[in-house]
């Protein structure tokens, strides 16, 4: 799980800003722009980000359903 304050919904997709402590693998600041089409639905109300093989590579991203 990553903090919801780390995620912003933008016209270009999700902007994920991670600082050390936001994810167990993160040792320095990161900003990822992830397309909406790549986001999978979270099974809970939280955001999740898989980093592999290192902290610089987002492998998968889960977002809660957005209700409008």
N, C-alpha and C. Protein backbone atom coordinates (compact mmCIF):
# COMPACT_ATOMS: atom_id res chain seq x y z
N UNK A 1 0.84 -1.17 0.00
CA UNK A 1 0.00 0.00 0.00
C UNK A 1 0.89 1.24 0.00
N UNK A 2 0.46 2.24 -0.76
CA UNK A 2 1.14 3.54 -0.73
C UNK A 2 0.13 4.59 -0.26
N UNK A 3 0.60 5.65 0.36
CA UNK A 3 -0.34 6.66 0.87
C UNK A 3 -1.13 7.33 -0.25
N UNK A 4 -2.40 7.58 -0.01
CA UNK A 4 -3.22 8.24 -1.03
C UNK A 4 -2.72 9.64 -1.32
N UNK A 5 -2.06 10.29 -0.36
CA UNK A 5 -1.51 11.63 -0.59
C UNK A 5 -0.38 11.60 -1.62
N UNK A 6 0.15 10.42 -1.92
CA UNK A 6 1.23 10.27 -2.90
C UNK A 6 0.72 10.21 -4.33
N UNK A 7 -0.60 10.11 -4.50
CA UNK A 7 -1.19 9.90 -5.82
C UNK A 7 -2.06 11.10 -6.20
N UNK A 8 -1.85 11.60 -7.41
CA UNK A 8 -2.70 12.66 -7.97
C UNK A 8 -3.22 12.20 -9.32
N UNK A 9 -4.51 12.39 -9.54
CA UNK A 9 -5.10 12.05 -10.84
C UNK A 9 -4.95 13.27 -11.74
N UNK A 10 -4.31 13.08 -12.89
CA UNK A 10 -4.06 14.16 -13.84
C UNK A 10 -4.66 13.77 -15.19
N UNK A 11 -4.77 14.71 -16.12
CA UNK A 11 -5.26 14.36 -17.46
C UNK A 11 -4.40 13.30 -18.15
N UNK A 12 -3.12 13.24 -17.80
CA UNK A 12 -2.22 12.26 -18.41
C UNK A 12 -2.18 10.93 -17.70
N UNK A 13 -2.87 10.80 -16.59
CA UNK A 13 -2.86 9.55 -15.83
C UNK A 13 -2.65 9.82 -14.35
N UNK A 14 -2.08 8.85 -13.66
CA UNK A 14 -1.80 8.98 -12.24
C UNK A 14 -0.37 9.47 -12.05
N UNK A 15 -0.20 10.53 -11.27
CA UNK A 15 1.15 10.97 -10.91
C UNK A 15 1.41 10.46 -9.50
N UNK A 16 2.39 9.58 -9.38
CA UNK A 16 2.72 8.97 -8.09
C UNK A 16 4.05 9.55 -7.64
N UNK A 17 4.03 10.25 -6.51
CA UNK A 17 5.23 10.84 -5.94
C UNK A 17 5.56 10.07 -4.67
N UNK A 18 6.69 9.39 -4.68
CA UNK A 18 7.08 8.58 -3.53
C UNK A 18 8.34 9.13 -2.88
N UNK A 19 8.32 9.16 -1.58
CA UNK A 19 9.47 9.56 -0.77
C UNK A 19 9.87 8.37 0.09
N UNK A 20 11.10 8.35 0.60
CA UNK A 20 11.46 7.27 1.51
C UNK A 20 10.43 7.14 2.64
N UNK A 21 10.02 5.92 2.89
CA UNK A 21 8.99 5.65 3.89
C UNK A 21 7.61 5.45 3.31
N UNK A 22 7.39 5.90 2.07
CA UNK A 22 6.09 5.71 1.42
C UNK A 22 5.92 4.30 0.87
N UNK A 23 7.01 3.62 0.59
CA UNK A 23 7.03 2.26 0.05
C UNK A 23 8.27 1.59 0.62
N UNK A 24 8.19 0.32 0.92
CA UNK A 24 9.30 -0.35 1.61
C UNK A 24 10.61 -0.36 0.83
N UNK A 25 10.56 -0.23 -0.50
CA UNK A 25 11.78 -0.27 -1.30
C UNK A 25 12.37 1.10 -1.61
N UNK A 26 11.64 2.16 -1.35
CA UNK A 26 12.05 3.50 -1.80
C UNK A 26 13.11 4.09 -0.87
N UNK A 27 14.25 4.48 -1.48
CA UNK A 27 15.35 5.09 -0.72
C UNK A 27 15.59 6.54 -1.11
N UNK A 28 14.99 7.00 -2.21
CA UNK A 28 15.09 8.39 -2.63
C UNK A 28 13.79 8.78 -3.36
N UNK A 29 13.60 10.06 -3.58
CA UNK A 29 12.35 10.55 -4.18
C UNK A 29 12.17 10.05 -5.61
N UNK A 30 10.93 9.72 -5.94
CA UNK A 30 10.54 9.28 -7.28
C UNK A 30 9.25 9.97 -7.68
N UNK A 31 9.11 10.26 -8.97
CA UNK A 31 7.84 10.70 -9.53
C UNK A 31 7.58 9.84 -10.76
N UNK A 32 6.49 9.09 -10.72
CA UNK A 32 6.10 8.23 -11.83
C UNK A 32 4.80 8.77 -12.43
N UNK A 33 4.70 8.79 -13.75
CA UNK A 33 3.44 9.12 -14.42
C UNK A 33 2.95 7.82 -15.05
N UNK A 34 1.84 7.33 -14.55
CA UNK A 34 1.31 6.04 -14.97
C UNK A 34 -0.01 6.25 -15.71
N UNK A 35 -0.13 5.75 -16.95
CA UNK A 35 -1.36 5.93 -17.72
C UNK A 35 -2.56 5.28 -17.02
N UNK A 36 -3.71 5.89 -17.15
CA UNK A 36 -4.95 5.34 -16.57
C UNK A 36 -5.21 3.92 -17.07
N UNK A 37 -4.86 3.68 -18.33
CA UNK A 37 -5.14 2.37 -18.93
C UNK A 37 -4.30 1.26 -18.31
N UNK A 38 -3.22 1.60 -17.64
CA UNK A 38 -2.35 0.59 -17.02
C UNK A 38 -2.75 0.28 -15.58
N UNK A 39 -3.64 1.09 -15.01
CA UNK A 39 -4.05 0.88 -13.62
C UNK A 39 -5.04 -0.28 -13.55
N UNK A 40 -4.84 -1.13 -12.56
CA UNK A 40 -5.77 -2.22 -12.28
C UNK A 40 -6.59 -1.83 -11.06
N UNK A 41 -7.77 -2.41 -10.95
CA UNK A 41 -8.64 -2.06 -9.83
C UNK A 41 -8.13 -2.70 -8.55
N UNK A 42 -8.02 -1.87 -7.53
CA UNK A 42 -7.60 -2.32 -6.22
C UNK A 42 -8.73 -3.13 -5.58
N UNK A 43 -8.36 -4.13 -4.82
CA UNK A 43 -9.36 -4.93 -4.11
C UNK A 43 -9.84 -4.28 -2.83
N UNK A 44 -9.24 -3.15 -2.49
CA UNK A 44 -9.65 -2.39 -1.31
C UNK A 44 -9.74 -0.92 -1.70
N UNK A 45 -9.70 -0.04 -0.77
CA UNK A 45 -9.82 1.39 -1.05
C UNK A 45 -8.47 2.08 -1.09
N UNK A 46 -7.40 1.31 -1.26
CA UNK A 46 -6.04 1.85 -1.21
C UNK A 46 -5.35 1.74 -2.56
N UNK A 47 -4.27 2.52 -2.70
CA UNK A 47 -3.39 2.44 -3.86
C UNK A 47 -2.26 1.47 -3.54
N UNK A 48 -1.82 0.74 -4.55
CA UNK A 48 -0.71 -0.20 -4.39
C UNK A 48 0.20 -0.06 -5.61
N UNK A 49 1.50 -0.14 -5.38
CA UNK A 49 2.47 -0.04 -6.47
C UNK A 49 3.51 -1.13 -6.29
N UNK A 50 3.73 -1.92 -7.33
CA UNK A 50 4.77 -2.94 -7.34
C UNK A 50 5.99 -2.36 -8.03
N UNK A 51 7.13 -2.44 -7.37
CA UNK A 51 8.39 -1.99 -7.96
C UNK A 51 9.28 -3.20 -8.16
N UNK A 52 9.73 -3.43 -9.40
CA UNK A 52 10.56 -4.60 -9.70
C UNK A 52 11.24 -4.39 -11.04
N UNK A 53 12.48 -4.68 -11.22
CA UNK A 53 13.40 -5.36 -10.30
C UNK A 53 14.07 -4.44 -9.29
N UNK A 54 13.79 -3.13 -9.39
CA UNK A 54 14.38 -2.19 -8.43
C UNK A 54 13.38 -1.06 -8.18
N UNK A 55 13.76 -0.14 -7.33
CA UNK A 55 12.82 0.93 -6.97
C UNK A 55 12.56 1.93 -8.08
N UNK A 56 13.32 1.86 -9.16
CA UNK A 56 13.15 2.78 -10.28
C UNK A 56 12.15 2.30 -11.33
N UNK A 57 11.65 1.08 -11.16
CA UNK A 57 10.81 0.46 -12.19
C UNK A 57 9.44 0.06 -11.66
N UNK A 58 8.41 0.86 -11.97
CA UNK A 58 7.06 0.45 -11.58
C UNK A 58 6.58 -0.71 -12.46
N UNK A 59 6.19 -1.80 -11.84
CA UNK A 59 5.77 -3.00 -12.56
C UNK A 59 4.25 -3.07 -12.67
N UNK A 60 3.56 -2.75 -11.59
CA UNK A 60 2.10 -2.78 -11.61
C UNK A 60 1.56 -1.72 -10.66
N UNK A 61 0.35 -1.27 -10.94
CA UNK A 61 -0.27 -0.22 -10.14
C UNK A 61 -1.74 -0.54 -9.96
N UNK A 62 -2.20 -0.45 -8.73
CA UNK A 62 -3.60 -0.70 -8.40
C UNK A 62 -4.20 0.55 -7.79
N UNK A 63 -5.38 0.93 -8.27
CA UNK A 63 -6.07 2.12 -7.79
C UNK A 63 -7.49 1.75 -7.39
N UNK A 64 -8.02 2.40 -6.35
CA UNK A 64 -9.42 2.14 -6.00
C UNK A 64 -10.34 2.69 -7.08
N UNK A 65 -11.53 2.13 -7.14
CA UNK A 65 -12.51 2.60 -8.11
C UNK A 65 -12.87 4.05 -7.81
N UNK A 66 -12.92 4.85 -8.86
CA UNK A 66 -13.29 6.26 -8.69
C UNK A 66 -14.78 6.41 -8.92
N UNK A 67 -15.46 6.90 -7.92
CA UNK A 67 -16.89 7.13 -8.05
C UNK A 67 -17.16 8.59 -8.40
N UNK A 68 -17.88 8.80 -9.49
CA UNK A 68 -18.20 10.17 -9.91
C UNK A 68 -19.69 10.37 -9.86
